Protein backbone atom coordinates (compact mmCIF):
# COMPACT_ATOMS: atom_id res chain seq x y z
CA UNK A 1 80.57 105.27 102.25
CA UNK A 2 82.62 105.25 98.40
CA UNK A 3 84.33 108.68 97.35
CA UNK A 4 86.16 109.99 94.08
CA UNK A 5 89.45 111.47 95.32
CA UNK A 6 91.10 114.35 93.24
CA UNK A 7 94.63 114.80 93.92
CA UNK A 8 96.77 118.05 93.22
CA UNK A 9 99.60 119.27 94.87
CA UNK A 10 102.32 121.90 94.36
CA UNK A 11 100.22 124.82 92.84
CA UNK A 12 102.34 127.55 95.37
CA UNK A 13 99.95 130.31 94.59
CA UNK A 14 101.73 133.62 95.64
CA UNK A 15 101.17 137.09 96.69
CA UNK A 16 100.25 137.83 92.67
CA UNK A 17 103.78 139.96 92.06
CA UNK A 18 106.80 139.07 90.06
CA UNK A 19 107.28 136.12 92.64
CA UNK A 20 104.32 134.31 92.21
CA UNK A 21 104.52 131.74 89.29
CA UNK A 22 101.01 130.44 89.83
CA UNK A 23 98.63 131.88 87.02
CA UNK A 24 96.09 129.24 86.68
CA UNK A 25 92.86 130.44 88.57
CA UNK A 26 90.27 129.70 85.93
CA UNK A 27 91.52 125.92 85.49
CA UNK A 28 91.63 125.56 88.52
CA UNK A 29 88.04 126.51 89.34
CA UNK A 30 86.88 124.65 85.82
CA UNK A 31 88.58 121.54 87.54
CA UNK A 32 86.38 122.19 90.97
CA UNK A 33 83.07 123.00 89.10
CA UNK A 34 83.86 119.51 87.38
CA UNK A 35 83.86 117.24 89.78
CA UNK A 36 81.35 118.96 91.60
CA UNK A 37 79.54 117.79 90.22
CA UNK A 38 80.30 114.64 91.08
CA UNK A 39 78.80 113.14 94.67
CA UNK A 40 81.26 112.55 97.31
CA UNK A 41 84.11 113.88 95.55
CA UNK A 42 87.53 114.69 97.95
CA UNK A 43 89.71 117.22 96.65
CA UNK A 44 93.34 116.32 98.26
CA UNK A 45 95.93 119.05 97.86
CA UNK A 46 98.99 117.46 98.91
CA UNK A 47 101.60 120.12 100.32
CA UNK A 48 102.90 123.84 99.15
CA UNK A 49 99.09 124.79 98.02
CA UNK A 50 100.32 128.06 99.08
CA UNK A 51 104.06 129.53 98.70
CA UNK A 52 104.46 131.41 101.89
CA UNK A 53 108.46 131.22 101.08
CA UNK A 54 107.50 133.44 98.33
CA UNK A 55 105.11 136.16 99.77
CA UNK A 56 107.17 139.88 100.79
CA UNK A 57 105.42 141.57 103.65
CA UNK A 58 106.59 145.02 104.83
CA UNK A 59 108.30 143.58 107.76
CA UNK A 60 109.42 140.57 108.02
CA UNK A 61 111.80 139.76 111.47
CA UNK A 62 113.05 136.60 110.41
CA UNK A 63 117.03 136.33 110.71
CA UNK A 64 118.25 135.68 106.53
CA UNK A 65 120.42 132.72 107.95
CA UNK A 66 118.06 131.52 111.39
CA UNK A 67 116.06 128.20 110.96
CA UNK A 68 113.37 130.39 112.84
CA UNK A 69 111.32 132.00 110.26
CA UNK A 70 107.50 133.88 110.81
CA UNK A 71 105.74 134.31 113.66
CA UNK A 72 101.96 133.65 113.56
CA UNK A 73 100.98 137.66 113.26
CA UNK A 74 103.73 137.53 110.08
CA UNK A 75 102.19 134.31 108.34
CA UNK A 76 98.85 135.41 108.58
CA UNK A 77 99.53 138.81 106.88
CA UNK A 78 101.31 136.76 104.23
CA UNK A 79 97.79 133.96 103.73
CA UNK A 80 95.52 137.54 103.87
CA UNK A 81 98.26 138.69 100.53
CA UNK A 82 97.84 135.79 99.00
CA UNK A 83 93.30 135.72 99.28
CA UNK A 84 93.48 139.06 98.21
CA UNK A 85 95.61 138.42 94.56
CA UNK A 86 93.57 135.12 94.26
CA UNK A 87 89.54 135.63 94.54
CA UNK A 88 88.92 133.60 92.13
CA UNK A 89 90.91 130.07 93.64
CA UNK A 90 88.96 130.77 97.01
CA UNK A 91 85.43 131.44 96.07
CA UNK A 92 85.94 128.44 93.68
CA UNK A 93 87.19 126.36 96.96
CA UNK A 94 83.84 127.76 99.04
CA UNK A 95 81.63 126.81 96.27
CA UNK A 96 83.18 123.47 95.56
CA UNK A 97 82.73 122.68 99.49
CA UNK A 98 79.18 123.96 99.24
CA UNK A 99 78.34 121.53 97.16
CA UNK A 100 76.21 118.39 98.66
CA UNK A 101 79.01 115.88 99.98
CA UNK A 102 82.37 117.42 98.37
CA UNK A 103 84.89 117.34 101.26
CA UNK A 104 88.56 119.07 101.11
CA UNK A 105 91.76 117.56 102.65
CA UNK A 106 94.61 119.96 103.42
CA UNK A 107 98.49 118.07 103.90
CA UNK A 108 100.76 120.18 104.43
CA UNK A 109 104.16 120.43 102.49
CA UNK A 110 107.37 122.24 103.49
CA UNK A 111 106.54 125.94 101.65
CA UNK A 112 103.07 126.14 103.78
CA UNK A 113 103.80 125.24 107.68
CA UNK A 114 102.55 128.43 107.70
CA UNK A 115 99.19 126.68 108.04
CA UNK A 116 100.57 125.09 111.33
CA UNK A 117 99.45 128.43 113.58
CA UNK A 118 95.57 128.33 115.04
CA UNK A 119 95.65 131.75 113.47
CA UNK A 120 96.45 131.09 109.92
CA UNK A 121 94.34 127.81 109.48
CA UNK A 122 91.14 129.50 110.93
CA UNK A 123 91.54 131.99 108.23
CA UNK A 124 91.76 129.88 105.78
CA UNK A 125 88.67 128.47 106.88
CA UNK A 126 86.75 131.48 106.91
CA UNK A 127 87.87 132.37 103.36
CA UNK A 128 86.36 129.11 101.83
CA UNK A 129 83.74 129.18 104.23
CA UNK A 130 84.63 125.56 106.17
CA UNK A 131 84.14 125.76 109.48
CA UNK A 132 83.13 122.01 109.63
CA UNK A 133 85.74 119.11 110.31
CA UNK A 134 83.55 116.80 107.86
CA UNK A 135 84.06 119.25 104.68
CA UNK A 136 87.46 120.67 105.24
CA UNK A 137 90.07 118.82 106.99
CA UNK A 138 93.70 119.73 108.01
CA UNK A 139 96.42 116.82 108.07
CA UNK A 140 98.16 117.40 111.15
CA UNK A 141 100.59 114.43 110.78
CA UNK A 142 101.76 115.08 107.27
CA UNK A 143 100.86 112.03 106.27
CA UNK A 144 97.03 111.00 105.13
CA UNK A 145 95.75 107.96 105.32
CA UNK A 146 92.39 106.50 104.08
CA UNK A 147 91.63 102.67 103.18
CA UNK A 148 94.42 101.78 101.00
CA UNK A 149 95.55 105.33 99.73
CA UNK A 150 98.45 106.91 101.44
CA UNK A 151 99.62 110.60 100.78
CA UNK A 152 102.51 112.72 101.58
CA UNK A 153 104.03 115.59 100.56
CA UNK A 154 107.43 114.17 100.55
CA UNK A 155 109.67 117.15 101.42
CA UNK A 156 110.73 114.51 104.62
CA UNK A 157 112.56 111.88 102.50
CA UNK A 158 114.84 114.73 101.84
CA UNK A 159 117.60 115.62 104.55
CA UNK A 160 117.87 119.57 102.82
CA UNK A 161 114.29 119.88 102.89
CA UNK A 162 112.83 118.07 106.11
CA UNK A 163 111.59 120.00 109.21
CA UNK A 164 112.41 118.21 112.44
CA UNK A 165 108.92 118.22 114.23
CA UNK A 166 106.69 118.23 111.40
CA UNK A 167 103.49 117.89 112.87
CA UNK A 168 104.47 120.79 115.29
CA UNK A 169 107.23 122.79 113.11
CA UNK A 170 107.70 125.50 115.82
CA UNK A 171 110.91 126.74 117.74
CA UNK A 172 110.94 129.08 120.75
CA UNK A 173 113.02 132.01 120.99
CA UNK A 174 115.80 131.30 123.73
CA UNK A 175 115.59 135.56 124.76
CA UNK A 176 111.59 135.63 124.33
CA UNK A 177 110.32 132.54 124.29
CA UNK A 178 108.28 133.54 121.31
CA UNK A 179 107.22 130.83 119.08
CA UNK A 180 108.17 131.08 115.35
CA UNK A 181 108.39 128.73 112.77
CA UNK A 182 111.04 126.16 111.67
CA UNK A 183 112.35 126.73 108.42
CA UNK A 184 114.61 123.73 106.64
CA UNK A 185 118.33 124.29 104.99
CA UNK A 186 116.44 124.69 101.66
CA UNK A 187 113.82 127.41 103.00
CA UNK A 188 116.69 128.90 104.78
CA UNK A 189 118.16 129.37 101.36
CA UNK A 190 115.00 129.94 99.03
CA UNK A 191 114.37 132.85 101.33
CA UNK A 192 118.03 134.60 100.94
CA UNK A 193 119.50 133.08 97.82
CA UNK A 194 116.55 132.45 95.49
CA UNK A 195 113.23 134.49 96.78
CA UNK A 196 115.01 137.23 98.65
CA UNK A 197 117.98 137.96 95.98
CA UNK A 198 117.95 136.84 92.38
CA UNK A 199 113.97 136.25 91.70
CA UNK A 200 113.06 140.10 91.96
CA UNK A 201 116.20 140.38 89.08
CA UNK A 202 115.08 137.01 87.49
CA UNK A 203 111.57 136.07 88.15
CA UNK A 204 112.34 132.80 86.27
CA UNK A 205 114.37 131.50 89.66
CA UNK A 206 111.14 130.08 91.09
CA UNK A 207 110.18 127.71 87.89
CA UNK A 208 113.79 126.35 87.39
CA UNK A 209 115.13 123.13 88.54
CA UNK A 210 117.50 122.40 90.04
CA UNK A 211 118.71 125.10 92.34
CA UNK A 212 121.94 124.31 93.07
CA UNK A 213 122.80 124.06 89.36
CA UNK A 214 120.54 126.86 88.84
CA UNK A 215 122.86 129.20 90.84
CA UNK A 216 126.19 127.89 89.28
CA UNK A 217 124.95 128.63 85.74
CA UNK A 218 124.10 132.05 86.77
CA UNK A 219 127.79 132.78 88.52
CA UNK A 220 129.11 131.32 85.84
CA UNK A 221 127.70 133.02 83.19
CA UNK A 222 125.87 136.26 84.71
CA UNK A 223 127.56 139.60 83.93
CA UNK A 224 130.30 140.68 86.25
CA UNK A 225 128.70 142.69 88.61
CA UNK A 226 125.69 140.30 89.93
CA UNK A 227 127.94 137.97 88.97
CA UNK A 228 130.10 139.02 92.01
CA UNK A 229 126.89 140.07 94.08
CA UNK A 230 125.57 135.90 94.24
CA UNK A 231 129.23 134.80 94.79
CA UNK A 232 129.51 136.69 97.74
CA UNK A 233 126.25 136.31 98.86
CA UNK A 234 126.89 132.18 98.68
CA UNK A 235 129.69 132.14 100.47
CA UNK A 236 128.24 134.15 103.05
CA UNK A 237 125.06 131.59 103.30
CA UNK A 238 127.31 128.80 103.32
CA UNK A 239 130.07 130.13 106.56
CA UNK A 240 126.82 131.20 108.28
CA UNK A 241 124.05 128.11 107.88
CA UNK A 242 126.31 125.81 106.18
CA UNK A 243 126.55 123.22 103.32
CA UNK A 244 123.32 121.39 102.18
CA UNK A 245 122.86 118.03 103.71
CA UNK A 246 124.12 115.19 101.44
CA UNK A 247 122.25 112.19 102.85
CA UNK A 248 119.34 112.39 101.64
CA UNK A 249 117.09 111.65 105.01
CA UNK A 250 114.73 108.93 105.52
CA UNK A 251 115.58 107.02 102.32
CA UNK A 252 118.26 106.73 103.09
CA UNK A 253 117.57 104.59 106.01
CA UNK A 254 115.13 102.95 103.69
CA UNK A 255 117.98 101.75 101.78
CA UNK A 256 119.76 100.57 104.50
CA UNK A 257 117.17 98.18 105.90
CA UNK A 258 116.13 97.08 102.56
CA UNK A 259 120.19 95.87 101.73
CA UNK A 260 120.49 94.46 105.84
CA UNK A 261 117.22 92.66 105.12
CA UNK A 262 118.93 90.80 102.42
CA UNK A 263 115.75 91.65 100.38
CA UNK A 264 116.25 91.55 96.45
CA UNK A 265 118.09 94.83 95.14
CA UNK A 266 115.64 97.54 94.09
CA UNK A 267 115.21 97.12 90.66
CA UNK A 268 115.04 100.57 89.12
CA UNK A 269 114.20 98.51 85.60
CA UNK A 270 111.14 96.57 86.75
CA UNK A 271 109.38 99.56 88.84
CA UNK A 272 109.76 101.99 86.18
CA UNK A 273 109.24 99.34 83.06
CA UNK A 274 106.08 100.99 83.00
CA UNK A 275 107.24 104.15 81.01
CA UNK A 276 106.22 104.02 77.05
CA UNK A 277 106.78 106.62 73.61
CA UNK A 278 105.18 107.37 71.02
CA UNK A 279 106.44 104.42 69.36
CA UNK A 280 104.82 102.38 72.00
CA UNK A 281 101.21 104.23 72.21
CA UNK A 282 98.66 104.46 69.25
CA UNK A 283 98.39 108.57 68.97
CA UNK A 284 94.62 108.27 69.08
CA UNK A 285 94.32 106.12 71.76
CA UNK A 286 96.99 108.21 73.83
CA UNK A 287 94.74 111.59 73.02
CA UNK A 288 91.36 109.17 74.12
CA UNK A 289 93.67 107.62 77.80
CA UNK A 290 94.91 111.43 78.46
CA UNK A 291 91.31 113.22 78.05
CA UNK A 292 90.01 115.15 80.87
CA UNK A 293 86.63 113.16 80.98
CA UNK A 294 84.83 116.35 82.67
CA UNK A 295 84.53 118.50 79.27
CA UNK A 296 88.28 119.62 78.38
CA UNK A 297 89.67 117.05 76.39
CA UNK A 298 93.21 117.59 75.49
CA UNK A 299 93.45 116.70 71.76
CA UNK A 300 95.96 117.40 69.54
CA UNK A 301 95.18 120.30 68.69
CA UNK A 302 94.78 122.13 72.11
CA UNK A 303 98.37 120.73 73.17
CA UNK A 304 100.98 118.43 71.27
CA UNK A 305 100.82 114.52 71.54
CA UNK A 306 104.39 114.35 72.48
CA UNK A 307 103.21 116.78 75.89
CA UNK A 308 100.32 114.63 76.70
CA UNK A 309 102.32 111.43 77.45
CA UNK A 310 102.60 111.37 81.00
CA UNK A 311 106.54 109.00 80.81
CA UNK A 312 107.94 108.04 84.65
CA UNK A 313 110.50 110.54 84.38
CA UNK A 314 114.40 108.55 86.02
CA UNK A 315 116.35 112.00 85.00
CA UNK A 316 114.89 113.83 88.24
CA UNK A 317 117.21 115.98 90.37
CA UNK A 318 117.02 112.78 93.28
CA UNK A 319 115.74 109.90 90.78
CA UNK A 320 115.30 107.35 93.06
CA UNK A 321 114.02 108.97 96.32
CA UNK A 322 110.39 109.16 96.07
CA UNK A 323 110.07 105.95 94.51
CA UNK A 324 111.98 104.68 96.81
CA UNK A 325 110.26 105.40 99.88
CA UNK A 326 107.27 104.42 97.65
CA UNK A 327 108.15 100.88 96.77
CA UNK A 328 108.99 100.20 100.95
CA UNK A 329 105.39 101.52 101.72
CA UNK A 330 103.61 99.09 99.23
CA UNK A 331 105.92 96.39 99.70
CA UNK A 332 106.13 96.68 103.56
CA UNK A 333 102.70 97.14 104.22
CA UNK A 334 100.13 95.15 102.91
CA UNK A 335 97.35 97.98 103.99
CA UNK A 336 98.27 100.75 101.41
CA UNK A 337 98.31 99.62 97.40
CA UNK A 338 98.37 103.35 96.22
CA UNK A 339 101.18 105.86 97.30
CA UNK A 340 100.79 109.77 96.66
CA UNK A 341 103.72 111.97 96.69
CA UNK A 342 104.39 115.63 95.40
CA UNK A 343 107.51 117.84 96.34
CA UNK A 344 109.54 117.02 93.19
CA UNK A 345 107.34 119.20 90.52
CA UNK A 346 107.89 116.00 87.73
CA UNK A 347 104.79 113.73 87.68
CA UNK A 348 105.13 110.24 87.73
CA UNK A 349 102.93 107.40 87.35
CA UNK A 350 102.65 103.53 86.83
CA UNK A 351 99.44 102.87 86.55
CA UNK A 352 99.74 100.93 83.13
CA UNK A 353 101.34 98.53 85.08
CA UNK A 354 100.45 98.55 88.56
CA UNK A 355 102.98 95.91 90.08
CA UNK A 356 105.81 96.47 92.58
CA UNK A 357 107.93 93.12 93.17
CA UNK A 358 105.47 90.92 91.53
CA UNK A 359 102.74 92.40 93.98
CA UNK A 360 99.78 93.25 91.40
CA UNK A 361 97.51 96.68 92.09
CA UNK A 362 99.86 98.20 93.51
CA UNK A 363 100.16 101.99 92.41
CA UNK A 364 102.60 104.91 92.69
CA UNK A 365 101.90 108.21 91.28
CA UNK A 366 104.05 111.97 91.87
CA UNK A 367 101.00 114.55 90.66
CA UNK A 368 103.48 117.39 89.84
CA UNK A 369 103.21 120.81 90.22
CA UNK A 370 100.78 123.67 88.49
CA UNK A 371 103.83 125.91 87.65
CA UNK A 372 105.67 125.98 84.75
CA UNK A 373 109.47 124.05 85.25
CA UNK A 374 112.02 124.13 83.38
CA UNK A 375 114.57 121.22 84.54
CA UNK A 376 118.21 122.13 83.45
CA UNK A 377 119.08 117.70 84.18
CA UNK A 378 116.38 117.05 81.25
CA UNK A 379 117.28 119.83 78.90
CA UNK A 380 117.89 118.41 75.22
CA UNK A 381 120.49 120.17 74.51
CA UNK A 382 122.76 122.15 76.31
CA UNK A 383 121.47 125.86 77.74
CA UNK A 384 123.05 128.92 78.53
CA UNK A 385 122.52 131.75 81.01
CA UNK A 386 120.10 133.49 78.18
CA UNK A 387 117.84 130.24 77.14
CA UNK A 388 116.07 130.86 80.82
CA UNK A 389 114.18 133.39 79.44
CA UNK A 390 112.81 131.36 76.67
CA UNK A 391 109.16 130.88 78.05
CA UNK A 392 108.61 127.96 75.30
CA UNK A 393 111.17 125.97 77.11
CA UNK A 394 108.88 125.56 79.98
CA UNK A 395 106.49 122.76 80.68
CA UNK A 396 103.34 123.36 81.99
CA UNK A 397 100.78 120.81 82.66
CA UNK A 398 98.01 120.56 84.95
CA UNK A 399 98.27 117.51 86.38
CA UNK A 400 95.68 115.95 88.95
CA UNK A 401 95.12 111.93 90.12
CA UNK A 402 92.68 110.38 90.33
CA UNK A 403 91.45 107.74 92.64
CA UNK A 404 89.18 105.67 92.18
CA UNK A 405 86.84 103.07 94.58
CA UNK A 406 86.44 99.80 92.87
CA UNK A 407 84.97 96.63 95.01
CA UNK A 408 88.89 94.71 94.42
CA UNK A 409 90.36 98.12 95.62
CA UNK A 410 91.71 101.31 94.50
CA UNK A 411 92.83 102.37 90.94
CA UNK A 412 95.07 105.29 90.46
CA UNK A 413 95.56 107.35 87.38
CA UNK A 414 97.38 109.64 86.45
CA UNK A 415 95.30 113.03 84.15
CA UNK A 416 96.15 116.49 82.20
CA UNK A 417 93.62 119.21 82.50
CA UNK A 418 94.17 120.91 78.94
CA UNK A 419 94.20 124.90 79.73
CA UNK A 420 91.00 126.78 79.00
CA UNK A 421 91.57 130.76 78.19
CA UNK A 422 93.29 132.64 81.15
């Protein structure tokens, strides 16, 4: 049975407090209403749907510097807080799954590994009214495969966000035998330094990347007393947990394998050669290309034309890691023609020229995030600490992927939803 697949990632839904960066509840509802009108629609949420790390409960027993995180009951309390804070989201998912032929696939990310707890997953099923696996499917392996489509969140390609046993991310207490979630180095850092300490004073911390550049800017430019506190906390964290892993996880192995096999060196310019700018594309044609086909078109009036361009962003914090992983997957497996990642919060598509090393019909896409973002390494001018409070500097695009089944194989397009009034 042919399906049209819609893919979103990194919504980072929180508990409705100052640490919750998600504010597009109605937009998500409109998207679900639109795609549910198409028969056999499948929504794939590719990781970090819920930001369990940023959700605070009355008492959390995880130690600040430990790789062992929440218990099952604590994760369940966090989910209940999120459901209470975003009733529109869960009601919309319930209605979507109530439509004939509609299906939800959930791929876990590093911020919502809590969904591996059976009670947490059962509570989510209850909230969205999906007890049938044909309607709601949780991808336990972390990699969703369907015909020539490959979907993975992407955190396992980075050493600081890798979880050693991603399909069963649990650690057992040596004393009590109690099970807790495994946390990556970055999750420990976020919980202690960003969420637990800084975001309460500066909520924009959740929306600025790279985190390490942000932290250095904070220590250098904040007023003197928070500067001392942050510097002390950072020193204490690094002393207890250690420095972040410097190697890039599985991507390093991929690179070594390509070089060892004497394959041609990764040609970034060729793989990223579909970048296009205003001077390359007619403005009216661009609006037509980027419009949302279900009733909320992007126009020059709703968004500046520059914001509707979907460029291939080669200035990401780790600019080659997921691109190189996608290239390896597309070239090493003849059965894979579409690779979709998330995690980095930066959208990316090669849909205008779906070709990798001479092989046509090979698509790679990163569906980005639905929360406002400011990338310090992409800023057009040098920013100072006070500038980070200026919300006009933040990019807020509701990007999603559409995978259409065609007789000759799947096609992949990255689209952007115009934001109706919240």
